[in-house]
């Protein structure tokens, strides 16, 4: 089951990268918050911001780890 989940997540991240999409993601789901208030509220959760923006600068004090797809990262920092 873990292998299937990892392959599904990698497929999702690959599609996000090719489309230039960015999401807040949990272990096996994605969230597309609408509005700044929703985004800021969710930033306090355990969700991570999935982005493939090579220019994203994550300020110190925030976590940043590689995603399953080269060039993509997961972070608890959500840019304004």
C-alpha atoms as a PDB file:
ATOM      1  CA  UNK A   1       0.000   0.000   0.000  1.00  0.00           C
ATOM      2  CA  UNK A   2       2.820   2.434   0.797  1.00  0.00           C
ATOM      3  CA  UNK A   3       4.378   1.905  -2.622  1.00  0.00           C
ATOM      4  CA  UNK A   4       1.047   2.603  -4.314  1.00  0.00           C
ATOM      5  CA  UNK A   5       0.576   5.755  -2.215  1.00  0.00           C
ATOM      6  CA  UNK A   6       4.101   6.947  -3.040  1.00  0.00           C
ATOM      7  CA  UNK A   7       3.537   6.348  -6.765  1.00  0.00           C
ATOM      8  CA  UNK A   8       0.219   8.204  -6.633  1.00  0.00           C
ATOM      9  CA  UNK A   9       1.814  11.133  -4.786  1.00  0.00           C
ATOM     10  CA  UNK A  10       4.688  11.229  -7.261  1.00  0.00           C
ATOM     11  CA  UNK A  11       2.213  11.242 -10.159  1.00  0.00           C
ATOM     12  CA  UNK A  12       0.294  14.093  -8.493  1.00  0.00           C
ATOM     13  CA  UNK A  13       3.491  16.082  -7.901  1.00  0.00           C
ATOM     14  CA  UNK A  14       4.636  15.486 -11.488  1.00  0.00           C
ATOM     15  CA  UNK A  15       1.331  16.864 -12.780  1.00  0.00           C
ATOM     16  CA  UNK A  16       1.563  19.849 -10.430  1.00  0.00           C
ATOM     17  CA  UNK A  17       5.082  20.583 -11.688  1.00  0.00           C
ATOM     18  CA  UNK A  18       4.119  20.340 -15.361  1.00  0.00           C
ATOM     19  CA  UNK A  19       1.078  22.606 -14.817  1.00  0.00           C
ATOM     20  CA  UNK A  20       2.850  25.075 -12.528  1.00  0.00           C
ATOM     21  CA  UNK A  21       0.294  24.356  -9.785  1.00  0.00           C
ATOM     22  CA  UNK A  22       0.936  24.901  -6.091  1.00  0.00           C
ATOM     23  CA  UNK A  23      -1.023  23.257  -3.292  1.00  0.00           C
ATOM     24  CA  UNK A  24      -1.194  22.771   0.416  1.00  0.00           C
ATOM     25  CA  UNK A  25      -0.852  19.039   0.926  1.00  0.00           C
ATOM     26  CA  UNK A  26      -1.354  16.518   3.685  1.00  0.00           C
ATOM     27  CA  UNK A  27      -0.204  12.925   3.789  1.00  0.00           C
ATOM     28  CA  UNK A  28      -2.587  11.837   1.042  1.00  0.00           C
ATOM     29  CA  UNK A  29      -4.694  14.843   0.057  1.00  0.00           C
ATOM     30  CA  UNK A  30      -4.373  18.337  -1.383  1.00  0.00           C
ATOM     31  CA  UNK A  31      -6.137  21.549  -0.383  1.00  0.00           C
ATOM     32  CA  UNK A  32      -6.753  24.584  -2.542  1.00  0.00           C
ATOM     33  CA  UNK A  33      -7.657  27.337  -0.057  1.00  0.00           C
ATOM     34  CA  UNK A  34      -9.524  30.355  -1.373  1.00  0.00           C
ATOM     35  CA  UNK A  35      -8.553  33.717   0.027  1.00  0.00           C
ATOM     36  CA  UNK A  36      -5.685  34.962   2.123  1.00  0.00           C
ATOM     37  CA  UNK A  37      -7.473  34.362   5.437  1.00  0.00           C
ATOM     38  CA  UNK A  38      -7.988  30.666   4.619  1.00  0.00           C
ATOM     39  CA  UNK A  39      -4.373  30.303   3.507  1.00  0.00           C
ATOM     40  CA  UNK A  40      -3.010  31.939   6.668  1.00  0.00           C
ATOM     41  CA  UNK A  41      -5.287  29.821   8.885  1.00  0.00           C
ATOM     42  CA  UNK A  42      -4.144  26.614   7.215  1.00  0.00           C
ATOM     43  CA  UNK A  43      -0.502  27.655   7.439  1.00  0.00           C
ATOM     44  CA  UNK A  44      -0.731  26.960  11.187  1.00  0.00           C
ATOM     45  CA  UNK A  45      -1.674  23.322  10.502  1.00  0.00           C
ATOM     46  CA  UNK A  46       0.598  20.410   9.642  1.00  0.00           C
ATOM     47  CA  UNK A  47      -0.080  20.894   5.921  1.00  0.00           C
ATOM     48  CA  UNK A  48       2.880  21.587   3.669  1.00  0.00           C
ATOM     49  CA  UNK A  49       3.112  23.905   0.698  1.00  0.00           C
ATOM     50  CA  UNK A  50       4.034  21.994  -2.457  1.00  0.00           C
ATOM     51  CA  UNK A  51       5.803  24.112  -5.036  1.00  0.00           C
ATOM     52  CA  UNK A  52       8.164  23.527  -7.920  1.00  0.00           C
ATOM     53  CA  UNK A  53       9.235  27.179  -8.043  1.00  0.00           C
ATOM     54  CA  UNK A  54      13.016  27.085  -8.240  1.00  0.00           C
ATOM     55  CA  UNK A  55      13.182  30.714  -7.088  1.00  0.00           C
ATOM     56  CA  UNK A  56      11.266  30.179  -3.825  1.00  0.00           C
ATOM     57  CA  UNK A  57      13.291  31.532  -0.935  1.00  0.00           C
ATOM     58  CA  UNK A  58      12.221  29.977   2.354  1.00  0.00           C
ATOM     59  CA  UNK A  59      13.052  32.241   5.299  1.00  0.00           C
ATOM     60  CA  UNK A  60      15.004  30.850   8.232  1.00  0.00           C
ATOM     61  CA  UNK A  61      12.833  29.283  10.875  1.00  0.00           C
ATOM     62  CA  UNK A  62      10.711  27.418   8.322  1.00  0.00           C
ATOM     63  CA  UNK A  63      11.127  23.820   7.214  1.00  0.00           C
ATOM     64  CA  UNK A  64      11.954  22.888   3.619  1.00  0.00           C
ATOM     65  CA  UNK A  65      12.373  19.371   2.269  1.00  0.00           C
ATOM     66  CA  UNK A  66      12.566  17.838  -1.191  1.00  0.00           C
ATOM     67  CA  UNK A  67       9.311  16.524  -2.626  1.00  0.00           C
ATOM     68  CA  UNK A  68       9.105  13.260  -4.563  1.00  0.00           C
ATOM     69  CA  UNK A  69       9.727  15.070  -7.877  1.00  0.00           C
ATOM     70  CA  UNK A  70      13.080  16.696  -8.675  1.00  0.00           C
ATOM     71  CA  UNK A  71      12.867  20.468  -8.439  1.00  0.00           C
ATOM     72  CA  UNK A  72       9.845  20.465  -6.129  1.00  0.00           C
ATOM     73  CA  UNK A  73       9.847  21.132  -2.392  1.00  0.00           C
ATOM     74  CA  UNK A  74       7.530  20.847   0.578  1.00  0.00           C
ATOM     75  CA  UNK A  75       7.627  23.611   3.171  1.00  0.00           C
ATOM     76  CA  UNK A  76       5.607  25.017   6.021  1.00  0.00           C
ATOM     77  CA  UNK A  77       6.236  28.497   4.583  1.00  0.00           C
ATOM     78  CA  UNK A  78       3.528  29.922   2.335  1.00  0.00           C
ATOM     79  CA  UNK A  79       4.603  33.031   0.428  1.00  0.00           C
ATOM     80  CA  UNK A  80       2.304  36.037   0.439  1.00  0.00           C
END
